[in-house]
Every structure is written in C-alpha cells, then in structure tokens.
C-alpha cells in the first residue's frame, strides 16, 4: 500500500513540476521530458558518471570517517559521565557553527583538494552522530539498569547488554542526519574548493542557465540521498528486530 501512495505522490510531483514549467517558462523551469532528455545526453557523454564517482568518493570517505570517530566518541561520552558533561558543551557549540566558516581555515591547512573536501564533510556529519549516540546511551532505562546491578551484572555487561542496544535507534537517527548533512556539505565543499563532481556540474550549468541539465543533476543528488537514507532505514530495522519494531 505504501508503494502505491509513493507512486501517486511521485505522479503528483511530476504533474506540479510540469505545471510550474508551463507557468515559469522552460528557461527557468524545464519540463520533466526536457530534463530527462538532457540527462540521457549527459549519461551518454559520461559526464554524470564521472562527476558522481568524484562526489561519492569524497562523500563516502568523509562520512565513513565521521562514523568511525562519532560513534565511539558518543559511546565514551555516555559511558563516562564526567567526560560527557565536559565535552557536551563543545560538541553542541561546534554543531551550531556553520561549517562554511571553517572552509578558509581548511583551505589554508589542507589546500583545495580531496583532503579539504573530506574534512568539510567530516565536520558536518560527525556532530549529529556524536550527539545522538551520546543521547542514546544517556536515555537508557534506569530501572532496567538497577535491576541488572541488583542481579550482579558488571558495568561492562550493563553497557553492552542494556545501554548499547537501547541506543541503537538514536545512533541510526544520528547516522541519517549525518548522511544528509554530509551530502549537503559535499556540494558545498565542491563549490568552495576545487570545483569538481556534482557540485561542479551544478555550478557550471547554473552559471550558464542550462536549466534542464541543472535540474537533472539535482535529481541525481536527490536519488543518492534517498538510497543512503533507505539503506540506513533497512539497517535500523535489522538492528532493532529484538524490540519488535515495524516502523
């Protein structure tokens, strides 16, 4: 049933898009058919595939590093309460700071190449992962923990058997937020550093008002975002089977 609703929503979106193109004119909003034709031409030329590979290599590297850093740090902050209360203020301060503000410093230290782009993505994606992981550990059921302690469970057993499994939904929520922010930061990094990848195509087609190509690249970005978030949703369902969740 959900698949049918999604199909209807997609058809409604295409219909609204078509109406917008008729109202605004093809120079501003291309029709879906014109966008599809332009996209097919870009695919035949290999431009989209090359740009997508460049963007994905940067995005997945930065996002992967944010997972490797964010989840362990969040678990440490939740497991060691004094450490969490100490770092919580600074993590939230960095979360509230626009990542664009760090780009000049990143360029100074790392240049405008691959490493700089990865750092921009890392700074954006790691914060929600840390915060959500920390919140998940802190949200553990106190009554369940007390029962485990009264049964003679060690701190390690309580952390691994109660606190960590209970934090999984929070961790996956952080991964979703980090994935979305990381994808946005990928385009930002490609626009502010060496202009490559999908961000480079957006800049090129936007400046020259080739709107059909521009819209197609935007759709490719949206498709990447959908694939990543749906993969994380599937991971969450697999990891939370023990809770009986079906959402």
Protein backbone atom coordinates (compact mmCIF):
# COMPACT_ATOMS: atom_id res chain seq x y z
CA UNK A 1 0.00 0.00 0.00
CA UNK A 2 2.84 2.37 0.82
CA UNK A 3 4.33 1.69 -2.62
CA UNK A 4 1.05 2.82 -4.21
CA UNK A 5 1.00 6.00 -2.13
CA UNK A 6 4.60 6.73 -3.10
CA UNK A 7 3.76 6.22 -6.78
CA UNK A 8 0.80 8.59 -6.50
CA UNK A 9 2.98 11.16 -4.71
CA UNK A 10 5.58 10.85 -7.47
CA UNK A 11 2.97 11.37 -10.18
CA UNK A 12 1.62 14.39 -8.30
CA UNK A 13 5.15 15.79 -8.07
CA UNK A 14 5.73 15.34 -11.80
CA UNK A 15 2.36 16.98 -12.53
CA UNK A 16 3.16 20.00 -10.34
CA UNK A 17 6.59 20.20 -11.96
CA UNK A 18 5.00 20.24 -15.42
CA UNK A 19 2.57 22.99 -14.39
CA UNK A 20 5.43 25.04 -12.91
CA UNK A 21 7.37 24.73 -16.17
CA UNK A 22 4.34 25.99 -18.13
CA UNK A 23 3.86 28.94 -15.77
CA UNK A 24 7.50 29.98 -15.36
CA UNK A 25 8.66 29.05 -18.85
CA UNK A 26 11.26 26.48 -19.94
CA UNK A 27 14.14 28.94 -19.49
CA UNK A 28 13.58 28.88 -15.72
CA UNK A 29 11.85 25.55 -15.08
CA UNK A 30 12.38 22.90 -17.76
CA UNK A 31 9.69 20.30 -18.35
CA UNK A 32 10.23 16.78 -16.95
CA UNK A 33 10.64 15.47 -20.51
CA UNK A 34 13.29 18.09 -21.39
CA UNK A 35 15.12 17.26 -18.15
CA UNK A 36 15.03 13.55 -18.96
CA UNK A 37 16.38 14.19 -22.48
CA UNK A 38 19.19 16.37 -21.12
CA UNK A 39 20.00 13.75 -18.51
CA UNK A 40 20.18 10.99 -21.11
CA UNK A 41 22.60 13.10 -23.15
CA UNK A 42 24.79 13.69 -20.09
CA UNK A 43 24.79 9.98 -19.34
CA UNK A 44 25.77 9.12 -22.91
CA UNK A 45 28.62 11.63 -22.68
CA UNK A 46 29.75 10.10 -19.38
CA UNK A 47 29.72 13.42 -17.54
CA UNK A 48 27.26 12.40 -14.84
CA UNK A 49 29.03 9.10 -14.12
CA UNK A 50 32.42 10.78 -13.76
CA UNK A 51 31.05 13.57 -11.56
CA UNK A 52 29.04 11.12 -9.45
CA UNK A 53 32.12 8.99 -8.83
CA UNK A 54 34.13 12.03 -7.76
CA UNK A 55 31.41 13.17 -5.37
CA UNK A 56 30.75 9.70 -3.95
CA UNK A 57 34.43 9.03 -3.30
CA UNK A 58 34.68 12.24 -1.27
CA UNK A 59 31.31 11.80 0.42
CA UNK A 60 31.77 8.17 1.46
CA UNK A 61 35.28 8.85 2.77
CA UNK A 62 34.16 11.81 4.88
CA UNK A 63 31.00 10.06 6.07
CA UNK A 64 32.89 6.87 6.87
CA UNK A 65 35.39 8.80 8.97
CA UNK A 66 32.55 10.56 10.78
CA UNK A 67 31.09 7.17 11.74
CA UNK A 68 34.46 5.83 12.89
CA UNK A 69 35.00 8.92 15.05
CA UNK A 70 31.44 9.83 16.05
CA UNK A 71 30.03 6.55 17.38
CA UNK A 72 32.98 5.63 19.66
CA UNK A 73 33.22 9.20 20.98
CA UNK A 74 29.49 9.34 21.66
CA UNK A 75 29.65 5.98 23.45
CA UNK A 76 32.56 7.18 25.57
CA UNK A 77 30.72 10.37 26.46
CA UNK A 78 27.67 8.37 27.52
CA UNK A 79 29.58 5.64 29.31
CA UNK A 80 31.90 8.02 31.18
CA UNK A 81 29.53 10.66 32.55
CA UNK A 82 32.16 13.26 33.58
CA UNK A 83 33.65 13.10 30.07
CA UNK A 84 30.21 13.55 28.54
CA UNK A 85 29.35 16.55 30.68
CA UNK A 86 32.75 18.07 29.84
CA UNK A 87 32.56 17.64 26.06
CA UNK A 88 28.82 18.14 25.61
CA UNK A 89 29.11 21.94 25.63
CA UNK A 90 31.84 22.00 22.98
CA UNK A 91 30.15 19.45 20.72
CA UNK A 92 26.91 21.45 20.73
CA UNK A 93 28.86 24.66 20.07
CA UNK A 94 30.50 23.09 17.01
CA UNK A 95 27.14 21.69 15.89
CA UNK A 96 25.67 25.22 15.90
CA UNK A 97 28.60 26.73 13.98
CA UNK A 98 28.13 26.89 10.17
CA UNK A 99 30.65 24.60 8.51
CA UNK A 100 31.25 27.20 5.82
CA UNK A 101 33.02 29.28 8.48
CA UNK A 102 35.75 26.63 8.70
CA UNK A 103 36.41 26.40 4.96
CA UNK A 104 39.02 29.20 4.79
CA UNK A 105 40.99 27.54 7.61
CA UNK A 106 40.66 24.14 5.98
CA UNK A 107 41.95 25.52 2.68
CA UNK A 108 44.92 27.11 4.45
CA UNK A 109 45.94 23.84 6.11
CA UNK A 110 44.78 21.23 3.58
CA UNK A 111 44.58 23.07 0.26
CA UNK A 112 41.63 22.71 -2.10
CA UNK A 113 41.93 19.03 -2.99
CA UNK A 114 40.49 15.73 -1.78
CA UNK A 115 41.58 16.10 1.86
CA UNK A 116 39.92 19.51 2.22
CA UNK A 117 36.62 18.23 0.87
CA UNK A 118 36.71 15.22 3.18
CA UNK A 119 37.33 17.49 6.18
CA UNK A 120 34.33 19.69 5.32
CA UNK A 121 32.11 16.61 5.13
CA UNK A 122 33.58 15.17 8.32
CA UNK A 123 32.91 18.35 10.30
CA UNK A 124 29.30 18.37 9.16
CA UNK A 125 28.44 14.69 9.54
CA UNK A 126 30.25 13.80 12.77
CA UNK A 127 28.39 16.18 15.11
CA UNK A 128 24.87 14.71 14.85
CA UNK A 129 26.35 11.22 15.14
CA UNK A 130 28.17 12.14 18.36
CA UNK A 131 25.17 13.94 19.85
CA UNK A 132 22.64 11.21 19.02
CA UNK A 133 24.91 8.40 20.20
CA UNK A 134 25.53 10.24 23.45
CA UNK A 135 21.79 10.89 23.88
CA UNK A 136 21.01 7.23 23.20
CA UNK A 137 23.36 5.99 25.90
CA UNK A 138 22.07 8.59 28.36
CA UNK A 139 18.48 7.56 27.58
CA UNK A 140 18.98 4.04 28.91
CA UNK A 141 16.23 2.62 31.17
CA UNK A 142 17.34 3.39 34.74
CA UNK A 143 15.05 0.77 36.25
CA UNK A 144 16.43 -1.92 33.96
CA UNK A 145 19.98 -0.87 34.82
CA UNK A 146 19.17 -1.02 38.54
CA UNK A 147 17.69 -4.50 38.15
CA UNK A 148 20.82 -5.65 36.33
CA UNK A 149 23.02 -4.25 39.07
CA UNK A 150 20.99 -5.99 41.76
CA UNK A 151 21.44 -9.23 39.80
CA UNK A 152 25.20 -8.80 39.96
CA UNK A 153 25.86 -7.54 36.41
CA UNK A 154 29.15 -5.71 35.89
CA UNK A 155 29.40 -2.21 34.40
CA UNK A 156 30.72 -3.73 31.18
CA UNK A 157 27.77 -6.13 30.95
CA UNK A 158 25.28 -3.34 31.65
CA UNK A 159 26.85 -1.18 28.94
CA UNK A 160 26.98 -3.93 26.32
CA UNK A 161 23.67 -5.67 27.11
CA UNK A 162 21.42 -2.74 28.08
CA UNK A 163 22.80 0.70 27.26
CA UNK A 164 24.28 -0.03 23.83
CA UNK A 165 21.28 -1.96 22.39
CA UNK A 166 18.92 0.73 23.70
CA UNK A 167 21.00 3.41 22.00
CA UNK A 168 20.78 1.80 18.54
CA UNK A 169 17.71 3.79 17.34
CA UNK A 170 19.39 7.02 18.44
CA UNK A 171 22.62 6.04 16.71
CA UNK A 172 20.85 5.25 13.44
CA UNK A 173 18.94 8.55 13.68
CA UNK A 174 22.31 10.28 14.04
CA UNK A 175 23.63 8.36 11.04
CA UNK A 176 20.68 9.54 8.97
CA UNK A 177 21.20 13.16 9.96
CA UNK A 178 24.93 12.83 9.37
CA UNK A 179 24.34 11.28 5.95
CA UNK A 180 22.05 14.14 4.90
CA UNK A 181 24.33 16.88 6.22
CA UNK A 182 27.36 15.13 4.74
CA UNK A 183 25.74 15.07 1.30
CA UNK A 184 24.92 18.77 1.53
CA UNK A 185 28.47 19.51 2.66
CA UNK A 186 29.81 17.52 -0.28
CA UNK A 187 28.26 20.01 -2.68
CA UNK A 188 29.36 22.94 -0.51
CA UNK A 189 32.93 21.60 -0.46
CA UNK A 190 32.95 21.11 -4.22
CA UNK A 191 31.73 24.66 -4.75
CA UNK A 192 34.16 26.35 -2.34
CA UNK A 193 37.29 24.29 -3.08
CA UNK A 194 38.32 22.68 -6.35
CA UNK A 195 35.15 22.74 -8.46
CA UNK A 196 34.63 19.07 -9.30
CA UNK A 197 31.96 16.38 -9.04
CA UNK A 198 28.23 17.02 -8.99
CA UNK A 199 28.81 20.36 -7.30
CA UNK A 200 30.98 21.37 -10.23
CA UNK A 201 28.22 20.43 -12.69
CA UNK A 202 25.69 22.43 -10.66
CA UNK A 203 27.96 25.47 -10.75
CA UNK A 204 28.65 25.08 -14.48
CA UNK A 205 25.05 24.61 -15.57
CA UNK A 206 23.71 27.17 -13.11
CA UNK A 207 26.04 29.91 -14.37
CA UNK A 208 25.15 29.20 -18.00
CA UNK A 209 21.41 28.81 -17.29
CA UNK A 210 21.28 25.33 -18.80
CA UNK A 211 18.39 24.51 -16.53
CA UNK A 212 17.49 21.08 -17.91
CA UNK A 213 20.98 19.78 -17.14
CA UNK A 214 20.94 21.65 -13.82
CA UNK A 215 17.67 20.03 -12.75
CA UNK A 216 18.90 16.58 -13.76
CA UNK A 217 21.99 16.89 -11.55
CA UNK A 218 19.75 17.97 -8.66
CA UNK A 219 17.65 14.85 -9.23
CA UNK A 220 20.78 12.68 -9.18
CA UNK A 221 21.70 14.21 -5.81
CA UNK A 222 18.20 13.55 -4.51
CA UNK A 223 18.44 9.93 -5.67
CA UNK A 224 21.74 9.48 -3.80
CA UNK A 225 20.14 10.89 -0.66
CA UNK A 226 17.16 8.53 -0.96
CA UNK A 227 19.38 5.49 -1.46
CA UNK A 228 21.56 6.31 1.55
CA UNK A 229 18.66 7.05 3.89
CA UNK A 230 16.74 3.95 2.82
CA UNK A 231 19.85 1.82 3.37
CA UNK A 232 20.13 3.23 6.89
CA UNK A 233 16.41 2.60 7.48
CA UNK A 234 16.93 -1.04 6.45
CA UNK A 235 19.91 -1.25 8.82
CA UNK A 236 17.78 0.13 11.66
CA UNK A 237 15.07 -2.47 11.04
CA UNK A 238 17.67 -5.23 11.11
CA UNK A 239 19.29 -3.99 14.31
CA UNK A 240 16.02 -3.36 16.20
CA UNK A 241 14.26 -6.65 15.47
CA UNK A 242 14.60 -7.61 19.13
CA UNK A 243 12.38 -4.65 20.05
CA UNK A 244 9.58 -5.80 17.77
CA UNK A 245 9.62 -2.50 15.83
CA UNK A 246 7.91 -2.40 12.47
CA UNK A 247 8.28 1.27 11.60
